[in-house]
Amino acid sequence: MEEVITNLAANGGPLGVIAAGVVYLIIYIQRKQTSEKRNDDTAKLKEQIDELKEELNKEKTEKQLLQKDVAYLLNETTGIKEDIKEMKNTLNTMALALERIASKYDDK
């Protein structure tokens, strides 16, 4: 690119110098526009990344809270299961005792 501008300026005389200046100006403006657009795109992407990071952190917090809730519920369920087993054993014992009592009355 610079070689083209140098050749235009060196070999084209005054018209070449003007053409080189115009080409340089066009290239400069295009590069500046491209740079501004790229910077805008980068800023937008960084903003989106920040929003996604914030959302991810919220989701992680929610997950941790849910894990604590599940652990608590599992512990509670385990205790309830043990209580139910004890009640079942007590009811079985009572049923056997009632059968013995009933069999004594049946024999008479």
N, C-alpha and C. Protein backbone atom coordinates (compact mmCIF):
# COMPACT_ATOMS: atom_id res chain seq x y z
N MET A 1 0.83 -1.18 0.00
CA MET A 1 0.00 0.00 0.00
C MET A 1 0.87 1.25 0.00
N GLU A 2 1.88 1.25 0.87
CA GLU A 2 2.77 2.40 0.94
C GLU A 2 3.60 2.53 -0.32
N GLU A 3 3.91 1.37 -0.93
CA GLU A 3 4.68 1.41 -2.18
C GLU A 3 3.89 2.08 -3.28
N VAL A 4 2.60 1.81 -3.34
CA VAL A 4 1.74 2.43 -4.37
C VAL A 4 1.72 3.93 -4.19
N ILE A 5 1.58 4.37 -2.97
CA ILE A 5 1.55 5.82 -2.70
C ILE A 5 2.90 6.44 -3.02
N THR A 6 3.99 5.77 -2.65
CA THR A 6 5.33 6.28 -2.94
C THR A 6 5.56 6.37 -4.46
N ASN A 7 5.15 5.35 -5.19
CA ASN A 7 5.31 5.35 -6.66
C ASN A 7 4.48 6.46 -7.30
N LEU A 8 3.24 6.64 -6.80
CA LEU A 8 2.40 7.72 -7.35
C LEU A 8 3.05 9.08 -7.11
N ALA A 9 3.57 9.28 -5.92
CA ALA A 9 4.18 10.56 -5.59
C ALA A 9 5.46 10.78 -6.38
N ALA A 10 6.26 9.73 -6.56
CA ALA A 10 7.56 9.86 -7.23
C ALA A 10 7.43 9.96 -8.75
N ASN A 11 6.55 9.19 -9.34
CA ASN A 11 6.49 9.10 -10.80
C ASN A 11 5.35 9.91 -11.43
N GLY A 12 4.40 10.33 -10.67
CA GLY A 12 3.23 10.97 -11.25
C GLY A 12 3.28 12.47 -11.29
N GLY A 13 4.34 13.07 -10.80
CA GLY A 13 4.41 14.52 -10.78
C GLY A 13 3.39 15.09 -9.80
N PRO A 14 2.96 16.35 -10.04
CA PRO A 14 2.02 16.98 -9.11
C PRO A 14 0.70 16.22 -9.03
N LEU A 15 0.24 15.69 -10.15
CA LEU A 15 -1.01 14.93 -10.14
C LEU A 15 -0.83 13.64 -9.33
N GLY A 16 0.33 13.05 -9.43
CA GLY A 16 0.63 11.84 -8.66
C GLY A 16 0.64 12.12 -7.17
N VAL A 17 1.21 13.28 -6.81
CA VAL A 17 1.26 13.66 -5.39
C VAL A 17 -0.16 13.85 -4.86
N ILE A 18 -1.00 14.51 -5.64
CA ILE A 18 -2.40 14.72 -5.23
C ILE A 18 -3.12 13.37 -5.13
N ALA A 19 -2.91 12.51 -6.15
CA ALA A 19 -3.55 11.18 -6.13
C ALA A 19 -3.08 10.38 -4.92
N ALA A 20 -1.78 10.46 -4.61
CA ALA A 20 -1.24 9.75 -3.45
C ALA A 20 -1.87 10.27 -2.17
N GLY A 21 -2.02 11.59 -2.09
CA GLY A 21 -2.65 12.19 -0.92
C GLY A 21 -4.10 11.75 -0.77
N VAL A 22 -4.82 11.71 -1.89
CA VAL A 22 -6.23 11.28 -1.85
C VAL A 22 -6.32 9.82 -1.43
N VAL A 23 -5.46 8.96 -2.02
CA VAL A 23 -5.45 7.54 -1.66
C VAL A 23 -5.12 7.37 -0.19
N TYR A 24 -4.12 8.12 0.28
CA TYR A 24 -3.75 8.04 1.69
C TYR A 24 -4.91 8.47 2.58
N LEU A 25 -5.57 9.56 2.22
CA LEU A 25 -6.70 10.06 3.00
C LEU A 25 -7.83 9.04 3.04
N ILE A 26 -8.14 8.43 1.90
CA ILE A 26 -9.20 7.41 1.85
C ILE A 26 -8.85 6.23 2.75
N ILE A 27 -7.60 5.77 2.64
CA ILE A 27 -7.17 4.64 3.47
C ILE A 27 -7.22 5.01 4.95
N TYR A 28 -6.77 6.22 5.28
CA TYR A 28 -6.78 6.67 6.67
C TYR A 28 -8.21 6.69 7.22
N ILE A 29 -9.14 7.24 6.46
CA ILE A 29 -10.54 7.33 6.91
C ILE A 29 -11.14 5.94 7.07
N GLN A 30 -10.87 5.04 6.11
CA GLN A 30 -11.40 3.69 6.21
C GLN A 30 -10.85 2.96 7.42
N ARG A 31 -9.56 3.11 7.67
CA ARG A 31 -8.96 2.46 8.83
C ARG A 31 -9.54 3.01 10.14
N LYS A 32 -9.75 4.33 10.16
CA LYS A 32 -10.31 4.95 11.36
C LYS A 32 -11.73 4.44 11.61
N GLN A 33 -12.54 4.36 10.54
CA GLN A 33 -13.91 3.87 10.68
C GLN A 33 -13.91 2.41 11.15
N THR A 34 -13.02 1.63 10.54
CA THR A 34 -12.92 0.22 10.93
C THR A 34 -12.51 0.10 12.39
N SER A 35 -11.56 0.91 12.80
CA SER A 35 -11.09 0.90 14.18
C SER A 35 -12.21 1.28 15.14
N GLU A 36 -12.97 2.31 14.82
CA GLU A 36 -14.07 2.75 15.68
C GLU A 36 -15.13 1.65 15.79
N LYS A 37 -15.46 1.04 14.64
CA LYS A 37 -16.46 -0.02 14.66
C LYS A 37 -15.96 -1.20 15.49
N ARG A 38 -14.69 -1.56 15.32
CA ARG A 38 -14.12 -2.67 16.07
C ARG A 38 -14.13 -2.36 17.57
N ASN A 39 -13.80 -1.12 17.92
CA ASN A 39 -13.81 -0.73 19.33
C ASN A 39 -15.23 -0.77 19.89
N ASP A 40 -16.21 -0.32 19.10
CA ASP A 40 -17.60 -0.39 19.54
C ASP A 40 -18.05 -1.83 19.72
N ASP A 41 -17.70 -2.67 18.75
CA ASP A 41 -18.06 -4.09 18.84
C ASP A 41 -17.41 -4.73 20.06
N THR A 42 -16.15 -4.39 20.31
CA THR A 42 -15.44 -4.93 21.46
C THR A 42 -16.10 -4.49 22.76
N ALA A 43 -16.47 -3.21 22.83
CA ALA A 43 -17.12 -2.70 24.04
C ALA A 43 -18.46 -3.40 24.28
N LYS A 44 -19.22 -3.61 23.21
CA LYS A 44 -20.51 -4.31 23.34
C LYS A 44 -20.31 -5.75 23.80
N LEU A 45 -19.31 -6.40 23.23
CA LEU A 45 -19.04 -7.79 23.62
C LEU A 45 -18.58 -7.87 25.08
N LYS A 46 -17.75 -6.91 25.50
CA LYS A 46 -17.32 -6.90 26.90
C LYS A 46 -18.51 -6.69 27.83
N GLU A 47 -19.43 -5.82 27.43
CA GLU A 47 -20.63 -5.59 28.23
C GLU A 47 -21.47 -6.86 28.32
N GLN A 48 -21.62 -7.55 27.20
CA GLN A 48 -22.38 -8.80 27.20
C GLN A 48 -21.69 -9.85 28.07
N ILE A 49 -20.37 -9.91 28.01
CA ILE A 49 -19.62 -10.86 28.83
C ILE A 49 -19.83 -10.55 30.31
N ASP A 50 -19.78 -9.27 30.67
CA ASP A 50 -20.00 -8.88 32.06
C ASP A 50 -21.39 -9.28 32.53
N GLU A 51 -22.40 -9.06 31.67
CA GLU A 51 -23.77 -9.45 32.02
C GLU A 51 -23.88 -10.96 32.20
N LEU A 52 -23.23 -11.70 31.30
CA LEU A 52 -23.28 -13.16 31.40
C LEU A 52 -22.55 -13.66 32.65
N LYS A 53 -21.43 -12.99 33.00
CA LYS A 53 -20.72 -13.38 34.22
C LYS A 53 -21.59 -13.14 35.44
N GLU A 54 -22.28 -12.00 35.44
CA GLU A 54 -23.17 -11.69 36.56
C GLU A 54 -24.30 -12.71 36.66
N GLU A 55 -24.87 -13.06 35.52
CA GLU A 55 -25.93 -14.06 35.50
C GLU A 55 -25.41 -15.42 35.95
N LEU A 56 -24.20 -15.77 35.52
CA LEU A 56 -23.59 -17.03 35.92
C LEU A 56 -23.38 -17.07 37.43
N ASN A 57 -22.92 -15.97 38.00
CA ASN A 57 -22.72 -15.91 39.45
C ASN A 57 -24.04 -16.09 40.19
N LYS A 58 -25.11 -15.47 39.67
CA LYS A 58 -26.42 -15.64 40.29
C LYS A 58 -26.86 -17.10 40.22
N GLU A 59 -26.63 -17.72 39.07
CA GLU A 59 -27.01 -19.13 38.91
C GLU A 59 -26.20 -20.02 39.84
N LYS A 60 -24.92 -19.71 40.01
CA LYS A 60 -24.09 -20.49 40.93
C LYS A 60 -24.61 -20.37 42.35
N THR A 61 -24.98 -19.15 42.74
CA THR A 61 -25.52 -18.94 44.08
C THR A 61 -26.81 -19.72 44.25
N GLU A 62 -27.70 -19.66 43.26
CA GLU A 62 -28.96 -20.41 43.31
C GLU A 62 -28.68 -21.90 43.43
N LYS A 63 -27.71 -22.39 42.69
CA LYS A 63 -27.37 -23.81 42.72
C LYS A 63 -26.90 -24.21 44.12
N GLN A 64 -26.06 -23.37 44.72
CA GLN A 64 -25.56 -23.68 46.05
C GLN A 64 -26.70 -23.70 47.06
N LEU A 65 -27.62 -22.75 46.94
CA LEU A 65 -28.76 -22.71 47.85
C LEU A 65 -29.64 -23.95 47.67
N LEU A 66 -29.85 -24.34 46.43
CA LEU A 66 -30.65 -25.54 46.16
C LEU A 66 -29.96 -26.79 46.71
N GLN A 67 -28.65 -26.84 46.58
CA GLN A 67 -27.91 -27.99 47.11
C GLN A 67 -28.06 -28.07 48.63
N LYS A 68 -28.02 -26.92 49.28
CA LYS A 68 -28.22 -26.91 50.73
C LYS A 68 -29.63 -27.36 51.09
N ASP A 69 -30.62 -26.89 50.32
CA ASP A 69 -32.00 -27.30 50.57
C ASP A 69 -32.18 -28.80 50.38
N VAL A 70 -31.58 -29.33 49.32
CA VAL A 70 -31.68 -30.77 49.05
C VAL A 70 -31.01 -31.56 50.17
N ALA A 71 -29.85 -31.12 50.60
CA ALA A 71 -29.15 -31.82 51.69
C ALA A 71 -29.99 -31.79 52.96
N TYR A 72 -30.60 -30.65 53.25
CA TYR A 72 -31.45 -30.55 54.44
C TYR A 72 -32.64 -31.50 54.33
N LEU A 73 -33.28 -31.50 53.15
CA LEU A 73 -34.43 -32.37 52.96
C LEU A 73 -34.05 -33.85 53.04
N LEU A 74 -32.89 -34.19 52.51
CA LEU A 74 -32.43 -35.58 52.61
C LEU A 74 -32.22 -35.99 54.06
N ASN A 75 -31.63 -35.09 54.84
CA ASN A 75 -31.43 -35.38 56.27
C ASN A 75 -32.76 -35.53 56.98
N GLU A 76 -33.70 -34.66 56.66
CA GLU A 76 -35.03 -34.74 57.27
C GLU A 76 -35.72 -36.03 56.87
N THR A 77 -35.60 -36.40 55.62
CA THR A 77 -36.24 -37.62 55.13
C THR A 77 -35.65 -38.84 55.82
N THR A 78 -34.36 -38.85 56.02
CA THR A 78 -33.71 -39.97 56.68
C THR A 78 -34.26 -40.12 58.10
N GLY A 79 -34.41 -39.03 58.80
CA GLY A 79 -34.97 -39.08 60.15
C GLY A 79 -36.40 -39.58 60.15
N ILE A 80 -37.17 -39.15 59.17
CA ILE A 80 -38.57 -39.58 59.07
C ILE A 80 -38.63 -41.07 58.76
N LYS A 81 -37.76 -41.53 57.88
CA LYS A 81 -37.75 -42.96 57.55
C LYS A 81 -37.46 -43.79 58.80
N GLU A 82 -36.51 -43.35 59.60
CA GLU A 82 -36.20 -44.07 60.84
C GLU A 82 -37.40 -44.06 61.78
N ASP A 83 -38.07 -42.93 61.89
CA ASP A 83 -39.27 -42.84 62.74
C ASP A 83 -40.36 -43.79 62.26
N ILE A 84 -40.55 -43.85 60.97
CA ILE A 84 -41.57 -44.74 60.40
C ILE A 84 -41.21 -46.20 60.68
N LYS A 85 -39.94 -46.56 60.55
CA LYS A 85 -39.52 -47.93 60.86
C LYS A 85 -39.81 -48.27 62.32
N GLU A 86 -39.52 -47.34 63.21
CA GLU A 86 -39.79 -47.57 64.63
C GLU A 86 -41.28 -47.73 64.88
N MET A 87 -42.10 -46.88 64.24
CA MET A 87 -43.55 -46.99 64.41
C MET A 87 -44.05 -48.34 63.88
N LYS A 88 -43.49 -48.76 62.75
CA LYS A 88 -43.89 -50.03 62.15
C LYS A 88 -43.55 -51.19 63.10
N ASN A 89 -42.36 -51.15 63.65
CA ASN A 89 -41.98 -52.20 64.61
C ASN A 89 -42.89 -52.19 65.84
N THR A 90 -43.21 -51.00 66.34
CA THR A 90 -44.11 -50.89 67.49
C THR A 90 -45.48 -51.46 67.16
N LEU A 91 -45.99 -51.10 65.96
CA LEU A 91 -47.31 -51.62 65.56
C LEU A 91 -47.28 -53.14 65.39
N ASN A 92 -46.19 -53.68 64.85
CA ASN A 92 -46.07 -55.13 64.72
C ASN A 92 -46.05 -55.81 66.09
N THR A 93 -45.33 -55.21 67.02
CA THR A 93 -45.28 -55.75 68.39
C THR A 93 -46.66 -55.72 69.02
N MET A 94 -47.36 -54.61 68.83
CA MET A 94 -48.72 -54.49 69.39
C MET A 94 -49.66 -55.51 68.75
N ALA A 95 -49.51 -55.71 67.43
CA ALA A 95 -50.36 -56.67 66.73
C ALA A 95 -50.12 -58.08 67.26
N LEU A 96 -48.85 -58.44 67.50
CA LEU A 96 -48.54 -59.75 68.06
C LEU A 96 -49.13 -59.90 69.46
N ALA A 97 -49.01 -58.85 70.25
CA ALA A 97 -49.55 -58.90 71.62
C ALA A 97 -51.07 -59.06 71.58
N LEU A 98 -51.73 -58.34 70.67
CA LEU A 98 -53.19 -58.46 70.55
C LEU A 98 -53.59 -59.86 70.07
N GLU A 99 -52.79 -60.45 69.19
CA GLU A 99 -53.07 -61.81 68.72
C GLU A 99 -52.94 -62.80 69.87
N ARG A 100 -51.97 -62.64 70.73
CA ARG A 100 -51.80 -63.52 71.88
C ARG A 100 -52.98 -63.39 72.84
N ILE A 101 -53.36 -62.13 73.06
CA ILE A 101 -54.52 -61.90 73.95
C ILE A 101 -55.76 -62.52 73.33
N ALA A 102 -55.95 -62.32 72.05
CA ALA A 102 -57.14 -62.86 71.38
C ALA A 102 -57.11 -64.37 71.39
N SER A 103 -55.94 -64.98 71.25
CA SER A 103 -55.88 -66.44 71.25
C SER A 103 -56.21 -67.00 72.62
N LYS A 104 -55.90 -66.30 73.69
CA LYS A 104 -56.26 -66.74 75.04
C LYS A 104 -57.77 -66.77 75.19
N TYR A 105 -58.44 -65.79 74.64
CA TYR A 105 -59.91 -65.72 74.75
C TYR A 105 -60.58 -66.73 73.81
N ASP A 106 -59.92 -67.02 72.70
CA ASP A 106 -60.47 -68.02 71.77
C ASP A 106 -60.41 -69.42 72.36
N ASP A 107 -59.41 -69.70 73.15
CA ASP A 107 -59.25 -71.02 73.74
C ASP A 107 -60.32 -71.29 74.78
N LYS A 108 -60.91 -70.34 75.39
CA LYS A 108 -61.87 -70.55 76.47
C LYS A 108 -63.23 -70.74 75.96
